[in-house]
Amino acid sequence: MLILALLLILLFTLLAFFWLKLEIGVFFVKEGSADQGEVFLAIPPLFKKRFEIPVVELVEKHGSLASRLVTESEEAPSWEKVTSLAQGRRSKLLTLGSGIAPRLHIEVRKLSLTSRIGLGDPALTGVGIGFIWMLLFNGLALAQRVFTGLRYVREPRVSIVPVYDGWHFEGRLECILSLRLGEIIVEGVKSLVSRGSARRSADGRTTPH
């Protein structure tokens, strides 16, 4: 009876663990002299960990791509040009998000972006704002196609205000995603088994008889 009771406790513990959710949150803010970035991982109510992100270093490292896209085109850049210039970064993101992620049911609990942007010239600011809106719309549409289980708990909130009288940038981004641990584990195992089978089949075809 004791062994049976322990097995039942273990079974219920595993089932409870499978129903727990993994929460991933991203927070960036650039307002005046405040530069703050943070990522948190949580398994409520068991675990929560926050990581600070160096916002200034990230802007300096990756800001050149946006500058090239805006300055190299008199009109708003096409989506084809965006993907061409961002090929290196895009391939890394696709590699990171490939595998099990597109098959998961992902809840977007919060997605909020507010920003005020000025590029020092009214015409350039207008082009830049239009380019940013194009990126946002295409990015959200692409995410919905790739991650078929994506669901928004609340509608995304986006506000981008142009500043025409000088160079200006401030913004705030908040995003919280929620995924079930059990689904991550199941899909991860299925992906490993599938890759192992494909590797063995490829080795079988290349092995001389």
C-alpha atoms as a PDB file:
ATOM      1  CA  MET A   1       0.000   0.000   0.000  1.00  0.00           C
ATOM      2  CA  LEU A   2       2.850   2.370   0.815  1.00  0.00           C
ATOM      3  CA  ILE A   3       4.440   1.807  -2.598  1.00  0.00           C
ATOM      4  CA  LEU A   4       1.099   2.354  -4.324  1.00  0.00           C
ATOM      5  CA  ALA A   5       0.565   5.575  -2.384  1.00  0.00           C
ATOM      6  CA  LEU A   6       4.040   6.823  -3.322  1.00  0.00           C
ATOM      7  CA  LEU A   7       3.414   5.995  -6.990  1.00  0.00           C
ATOM      8  CA  LEU A   8       0.112   7.870  -6.915  1.00  0.00           C
ATOM      9  CA  ILE A   9       1.772  10.878  -5.294  1.00  0.00           C
ATOM     10  CA  LEU A  10       4.511  10.794  -7.946  1.00  0.00           C
ATOM     11  CA  LEU A  11       1.922  10.511 -10.717  1.00  0.00           C
ATOM     12  CA  PHE A  12      -0.113  13.466  -9.431  1.00  0.00           C
ATOM     13  CA  THR A  13       3.077  15.497  -8.992  1.00  0.00           C
ATOM     14  CA  LEU A  14       4.084  14.838 -12.601  1.00  0.00           C
ATOM     15  CA  LEU A  15       0.587  15.713 -13.840  1.00  0.00           C
ATOM     16  CA  ALA A  16       0.607  18.916 -11.828  1.00  0.00           C
ATOM     17  CA  PHE A  17       4.047  19.790 -13.223  1.00  0.00           C
ATOM     18  CA  PHE A  18       2.803  19.205 -16.767  1.00  0.00           C
ATOM     19  CA  TRP A  19      -0.008  21.714 -16.196  1.00  0.00           C
ATOM     20  CA  LEU A  20       2.293  24.409 -14.829  1.00  0.00           C
ATOM     21  CA  LYS A  21       3.042  27.340 -17.107  1.00  0.00           C
ATOM     22  CA  LEU A  22       6.337  28.873 -18.138  1.00  0.00           C
ATOM     23  CA  GLU A  23       6.147  32.660 -18.372  1.00  0.00           C
ATOM     24  CA  ILE A  24       8.658  34.705 -20.361  1.00  0.00           C
ATOM     25  CA  GLY A  25       8.633  38.466 -20.025  1.00  0.00           C
ATOM     26  CA  VAL A  26      10.584  41.198 -21.816  1.00  0.00           C
ATOM     27  CA  PHE A  27      10.706  44.821 -20.698  1.00  0.00           C
ATOM     28  CA  PHE A  28      12.622  47.695 -22.324  1.00  0.00           C
ATOM     29  CA  VAL A  29      12.399  51.394 -21.534  1.00  0.00           C
ATOM     30  CA  LYS A  30      14.268  54.414 -22.930  1.00  0.00           C
ATOM     31  CA  GLU A  31      12.995  57.655 -21.440  1.00  0.00           C
ATOM     32  CA  GLY A  32      15.385  60.557 -21.000  1.00  0.00           C
ATOM     33  CA  SER A  33      18.449  59.266 -19.185  1.00  0.00           C
ATOM     34  CA  ALA A  34      16.687  56.048 -18.153  1.00  0.00           C
ATOM     35  CA  ASP A  35      17.894  53.005 -20.103  1.00  0.00           C
ATOM     36  CA  GLN A  36      16.532  49.788 -18.699  1.00  0.00           C
ATOM     37  CA  GLY A  37      16.090  46.290 -20.087  1.00  0.00           C
ATOM     38  CA  GLU A  38      14.931  43.196 -18.323  1.00  0.00           C
ATOM     39  CA  VAL A  39      13.935  39.616 -19.106  1.00  0.00           C
ATOM     40  CA  PHE A  40      12.237  37.366 -16.598  1.00  0.00           C
ATOM     41  CA  LEU A  41      11.529  33.642 -16.540  1.00  0.00           C
ATOM     42  CA  ALA A  42       8.910  32.275 -14.160  1.00  0.00           C
ATOM     43  CA  ILE A  43       7.066  29.083 -13.289  1.00  0.00           C
ATOM     44  CA  PRO A  44       4.368  30.409 -10.954  1.00  0.00           C
ATOM     45  CA  PRO A  45       4.307  29.860  -8.057  1.00  0.00           C
ATOM     46  CA  LEU A  46       7.566  27.884  -7.893  1.00  0.00           C
ATOM     47  CA  PHE A  47      10.229  29.992  -9.562  1.00  0.00           C
ATOM     48  CA  LYS A  48      10.970  33.486 -10.884  1.00  0.00           C
ATOM     49  CA  LYS A  49      14.273  34.867 -12.142  1.00  0.00           C
ATOM     50  CA  ARG A  50      15.053  38.297 -13.592  1.00  0.00           C
ATOM     51  CA  PHE A  51      17.956  39.192 -15.883  1.00  0.00           C
ATOM     52  CA  GLU A  52      19.045  42.745 -16.666  1.00  0.00           C
ATOM     53  CA  ILE A  53      19.898  43.596 -20.278  1.00  0.00           C
ATOM     54  CA  PRO A  54      22.405  46.335 -21.290  1.00  0.00           C
ATOM     55  CA  VAL A  55      20.115  48.489 -23.460  1.00  0.00           C
ATOM     56  CA  VAL A  56      22.780  50.979 -24.560  1.00  0.00           C
ATOM     57  CA  GLU A  57      25.111  48.240 -25.780  1.00  0.00           C
ATOM     58  CA  LEU A  58      22.276  46.553 -27.707  1.00  0.00           C
ATOM     59  CA  VAL A  59      21.275  49.815 -29.422  1.00  0.00           C
ATOM     60  CA  GLU A  60      24.879  50.545 -30.394  1.00  0.00           C
ATOM     61  CA  LYS A  61      25.377  47.006 -31.707  1.00  0.00           C
ATOM     62  CA  HIS A  62      22.183  46.613 -33.734  1.00  0.00           C
ATOM     63  CA  GLY A  63      21.138  50.176 -34.518  1.00  0.00           C
ATOM     64  CA  SER A  64      23.227  50.321 -37.711  1.00  0.00           C
ATOM     65  CA  LEU A  65      20.741  48.057 -39.522  1.00  0.00           C
ATOM     66  CA  ALA A  66      17.854  50.498 -39.067  1.00  0.00           C
ATOM     67  CA  SER A  67      20.064  53.429 -40.109  1.00  0.00           C
ATOM     68  CA  ARG A  68      21.034  51.654 -43.346  1.00  0.00           C
ATOM     69  CA  LEU A  69      17.430  50.798 -44.183  1.00  0.00           C
ATOM     70  CA  VAL A  70      16.267  54.393 -43.772  1.00  0.00           C
ATOM     71  CA  THR A  71      19.217  56.301 -45.261  1.00  0.00           C
ATOM     72  CA  GLU A  72      19.757  54.054 -48.304  1.00  0.00           C
ATOM     73  CA  SER A  73      16.224  54.547 -49.612  1.00  0.00           C
ATOM     74  CA  GLU A  74      14.443  57.765 -50.585  1.00  0.00           C
ATOM     75  CA  GLU A  75      11.122  56.023 -50.140  1.00  0.00           C
ATOM     76  CA  ALA A  76       9.968  53.541 -47.516  1.00  0.00           C
ATOM     77  CA  PRO A  77      12.062  50.360 -47.904  1.00  0.00           C
ATOM     78  CA  SER A  78      10.336  47.307 -49.303  1.00  0.00           C
ATOM     79  CA  TRP A  79       9.863  44.194 -47.191  1.00  0.00           C
ATOM     80  CA  GLU A  80      12.168  42.335 -49.591  1.00  0.00           C
ATOM     81  CA  LYS A  81      14.946  44.821 -48.900  1.00  0.00           C
ATOM     82  CA  VAL A  82      14.386  44.550 -45.169  1.00  0.00           C
ATOM     83  CA  THR A  83      14.720  40.768 -45.204  1.00  0.00           C
ATOM     84  CA  SER A  84      17.734  40.968 -47.518  1.00  0.00           C
ATOM     85  CA  LEU A  85      19.687  43.366 -45.296  1.00  0.00           C
ATOM     86  CA  ALA A  86      18.640  41.520 -42.132  1.00  0.00           C
ATOM     87  CA  GLN A  87      19.495  38.079 -43.469  1.00  0.00           C
ATOM     88  CA  GLY A  88      22.119  37.341 -40.820  1.00  0.00           C
ATOM     89  CA  ARG A  89      19.901  38.337 -37.922  1.00  0.00           C
ATOM     90  CA  ARG A  90      16.823  36.698 -39.447  1.00  0.00           C
ATOM     91  CA  SER A  91      18.554  33.343 -39.837  1.00  0.00           C
ATOM     92  CA  LYS A  92      19.617  33.426 -36.169  1.00  0.00           C
ATOM     93  CA  LEU A  93      16.080  34.188 -35.044  1.00  0.00           C
ATOM     94  CA  LEU A  94      14.633  31.438 -37.202  1.00  0.00           C
ATOM     95  CA  THR A  95      17.202  28.986 -35.865  1.00  0.00           C
ATOM     96  CA  LEU A  96      16.328  29.986 -32.314  1.00  0.00           C
ATOM     97  CA  GLY A  97      12.590  29.692 -32.929  1.00  0.00           C
ATOM     98  CA  SER A  98      12.660  26.564 -35.069  1.00  0.00           C
ATOM     99  CA  GLY A  99      11.927  23.079 -33.882  1.00  0.00           C
ATOM    100  CA  ILE A 100       9.256  22.834 -31.243  1.00  0.00           C
ATOM    101  CA  ALA A 101       8.260  26.501 -30.846  1.00  0.00           C
ATOM    102  CA  PRO A 102       5.978  26.753 -33.937  1.00  0.00           C
ATOM    103  CA  ARG A 103       3.961  23.757 -32.671  1.00  0.00           C
ATOM    104  CA  LEU A 104       3.368  25.135 -29.191  1.00  0.00           C
ATOM    105  CA  HIS A 105       0.274  26.906 -27.926  1.00  0.00           C
ATOM    106  CA  ILE A 106       1.610  30.315 -26.941  1.00  0.00           C
ATOM    107  CA  GLU A 107      -0.453  32.877 -25.060  1.00  0.00           C
ATOM    108  CA  VAL A 108       0.566  36.511 -25.448  1.00  0.00           C
ATOM    109  CA  ARG A 109      -0.631  37.884 -22.143  1.00  0.00           C
ATOM    110  CA  LYS A 110       0.615  41.391 -22.849  1.00  0.00           C
ATOM    111  CA  LEU A 111       2.168  43.225 -25.797  1.00  0.00           C
ATOM    112  CA  SER A 112       2.532  46.963 -25.460  1.00  0.00           C
ATOM    113  CA  LEU A 113       4.761  49.395 -27.349  1.00  0.00           C
ATOM    114  CA  THR A 114       4.765  53.177 -26.919  1.00  0.00           C
ATOM    115  CA  SER A 115       7.364  55.383 -28.557  1.00  0.00           C
ATOM    116  CA  ARG A 116       8.228  58.948 -29.625  1.00  0.00           C
ATOM    117  CA  ILE A 117      10.706  59.135 -32.498  1.00  0.00           C
ATOM    118  CA  GLY A 118      12.370  61.979 -34.354  1.00  0.00           C
ATOM    119  CA  LEU A 119      15.174  61.644 -36.901  1.00  0.00           C
ATOM    120  CA  GLY A 120      16.221  65.296 -37.136  1.00  0.00           C
ATOM    121  CA  ASP A 121      14.350  65.980 -40.377  1.00  0.00           C
ATOM    122  CA  PRO A 122      10.544  65.942 -40.960  1.00  0.00           C
ATOM    123  CA  ALA A 123      10.753  64.001 -44.246  1.00  0.00           C
ATOM    124  CA  LEU A 124      13.182  61.444 -42.860  1.00  0.00           C
ATOM    125  CA  THR A 125      11.071  61.106 -39.727  1.00  0.00           C
ATOM    126  CA  GLY A 126       7.976  60.395 -41.826  1.00  0.00           C
ATOM    127  CA  VAL A 127       9.819  57.731 -43.820  1.00  0.00           C
ATOM    128  CA  GLY A 128      11.252  56.192 -40.663  1.00  0.00           C
ATOM    129  CA  ILE A 129       7.876  56.035 -38.887  1.00  0.00           C
ATOM    130  CA  GLY A 130       6.272  54.433 -41.939  1.00  0.00           C
ATOM    131  CA  PHE A 131       9.081  51.888 -42.080  1.00  0.00           C
ATOM    132  CA  ILE A 132       8.610  51.028 -38.400  1.00  0.00           C
ATOM    133  CA  TRP A 133       4.853  50.496 -38.871  1.00  0.00           C
ATOM    134  CA  MET A 134       5.577  48.245 -41.856  1.00  0.00           C
ATOM    135  CA  LEU A 135       7.993  46.198 -39.767  1.00  0.00           C
ATOM    136  CA  LEU A 136       5.461  45.859 -36.961  1.00  0.00           C
ATOM    137  CA  PHE A 137       2.561  44.778 -39.174  1.00  0.00           C
ATOM    138  CA  ASN A 138       4.658  42.323 -41.175  1.00  0.00           C
ATOM    139  CA  GLY A 139       6.326  40.998 -38.028  1.00  0.00           C
ATOM    140  CA  LEU A 140       3.002  40.329 -36.280  1.00  0.00           C
ATOM    141  CA  ALA A 141       1.567  38.704 -39.408  1.00  0.00           C
ATOM    142  CA  LEU A 142       4.669  36.530 -39.826  1.00  0.00           C
ATOM    143  CA  ALA A 143       4.515  35.457 -36.178  1.00  0.00           C
ATOM    144  CA  GLN A 144       0.865  34.463 -36.594  1.00  0.00           C
ATOM    145  CA  ARG A 145       1.730  32.318 -39.639  1.00  0.00           C
ATOM    146  CA  VAL A 146       4.807  30.659 -38.147  1.00  0.00           C
ATOM    147  CA  PHE A 147       3.452  30.097 -34.636  1.00  0.00           C
ATOM    148  CA  THR A 148       0.068  28.603 -35.469  1.00  0.00           C
ATOM    149  CA  GLY A 149      -0.829  28.190 -31.787  1.00  0.00           C
ATOM    150  CA  LEU A 150      -0.279  31.878 -31.026  1.00  0.00           C
ATOM    151  CA  ARG A 151      -3.158  33.538 -29.173  1.00  0.00           C
ATOM    152  CA  TYR A 152      -3.480  37.070 -27.837  1.00  0.00           C
ATOM    153  CA  VAL A 153      -5.161  37.273 -24.444  1.00  0.00           C
ATOM    154  CA  ARG A 154      -5.460  41.021 -25.030  1.00  0.00           C
ATOM    155  CA  GLU A 155      -5.099  42.982 -28.240  1.00  0.00           C
ATOM    156  CA  PRO A 156      -1.585  44.400 -28.762  1.00  0.00           C
ATOM    157  CA  ARG A 157      -1.299  48.108 -27.956  1.00  0.00           C
ATOM    158  CA  VAL A 158       1.015  50.151 -30.177  1.00  0.00           C
ATOM    159  CA  SER A 159       1.543  53.899 -30.203  1.00  0.00           C
ATOM    160  CA  ILE A 160       4.301  55.612 -32.229  1.00  0.00           C
ATOM    161  CA  VAL A 161       4.323  59.416 -32.149  1.00  0.00           C
ATOM    162  CA  PRO A 162       6.555  61.320 -34.626  1.00  0.00           C
ATOM    163  CA  VAL A 163       8.676  64.220 -33.379  1.00  0.00           C
ATOM    164  CA  TYR A 164       9.408  66.540 -36.316  1.00  0.00           C
ATOM    165  CA  ASP A 165      11.478  69.281 -34.660  1.00  0.00           C
ATOM    166  CA  GLY A 166      14.677  67.384 -33.877  1.00  0.00           C
ATOM    167  CA  TRP A 167      16.404  64.157 -33.011  1.00  0.00           C
ATOM    168  CA  HIS A 168      14.447  62.285 -30.366  1.00  0.00           C
ATOM    169  CA  PHE A 169      13.966  58.717 -29.205  1.00  0.00           C
ATOM    170  CA  GLU A 170      12.106  57.319 -26.252  1.00  0.00           C
ATOM    171  CA  GLY A 171      10.040  54.200 -25.918  1.00  0.00           C
ATOM    172  CA  ARG A 172       8.687  51.453 -23.732  1.00  0.00           C
ATOM    173  CA  LEU A 173       8.143  47.811 -24.703  1.00  0.00           C
ATOM    174  CA  GLU A 174       6.435  45.175 -22.560  1.00  0.00           C
ATOM    175  CA  CYS A 175       5.772  41.606 -23.675  1.00  0.00           C
ATOM    176  CA  ILE A 176       4.704  38.592 -21.592  1.00  0.00           C
ATOM    177  CA  LEU A 177       4.346  35.096 -23.085  1.00  0.00           C
ATOM    178  CA  SER A 178       2.906  32.014 -21.402  1.00  0.00           C
ATOM    179  CA  LEU A 179       3.505  28.355 -22.388  1.00  0.00           C
ATOM    180  CA  ARG A 180       2.616  25.024 -20.781  1.00  0.00           C
ATOM    181  CA  LEU A 181       5.608  23.052 -19.492  1.00  0.00           C
ATOM    182  CA  GLY A 182       4.005  19.710 -20.345  1.00  0.00           C
ATOM    183  CA  GLU A 183       3.563  20.689 -23.978  1.00  0.00           C
ATOM    184  CA  ILE A 184       7.168  21.889 -24.182  1.00  0.00           C
ATOM    185  CA  ILE A 185       8.407  18.551 -22.817  1.00  0.00           C
ATOM    186  CA  VAL A 186       6.182  16.439 -25.096  1.00  0.00           C
ATOM    187  CA  GLU A 187       7.028  18.391 -28.235  1.00  0.00           C
ATOM    188  CA  GLY A 188      10.714  18.392 -27.292  1.00  0.00           C
ATOM    189  CA  VAL A 189      10.754  14.614 -26.977  1.00  0.00           C
ATOM    190  CA  LYS A 190       8.889  14.229 -30.277  1.00  0.00           C
ATOM    191  CA  SER A 191      11.371  16.538 -31.990  1.00  0.00           C
ATOM    192  CA  LEU A 192      14.370  14.611 -30.619  1.00  0.00           C
ATOM    193  CA  VAL A 193      12.878  11.281 -31.702  1.00  0.00           C
ATOM    194  CA  SER A 194      12.091  12.654 -35.169  1.00  0.00           C
ATOM    195  CA  ARG A 195      15.598  14.064 -35.633  1.00  0.00           C
ATOM    196  CA  GLY A 196      17.153  10.818 -34.411  1.00  0.00           C
ATOM    197  CA  SER A 197      15.092   8.791 -36.890  1.00  0.00           C
ATOM    198  CA  ALA A 198      15.975  11.145 -39.738  1.00  0.00           C
ATOM    199  CA  ARG A 199      19.681  10.942 -38.853  1.00  0.00           C
ATOM    200  CA  ARG A 200      19.619   7.144 -38.766  1.00  0.00           C
ATOM    201  CA  SER A 201      17.791   7.035 -42.111  1.00  0.00           C
ATOM    202  CA  ALA A 202      20.377   9.367 -43.650  1.00  0.00           C
ATOM    203  CA  ASP A 203      23.229   7.245 -42.279  1.00  0.00           C
ATOM    204  CA  GLY A 204      21.556   4.128 -43.681  1.00  0.00           C
ATOM    205  CA  ARG A 205      21.326   5.642 -47.147  1.00  0.00           C
ATOM    206  CA  THR A 206      24.968   6.717 -47.148  1.00  0.00           C
ATOM    207  CA  THR A 207      26.372   3.457 -45.751  1.00  0.00           C
ATOM    208  CA  PRO A 208      27.787   1.326 -48.597  1.00  0.00           C
ATOM    209  CA  HIS A 209      26.413  -2.243 -48.868  1.00  0.00           C
END
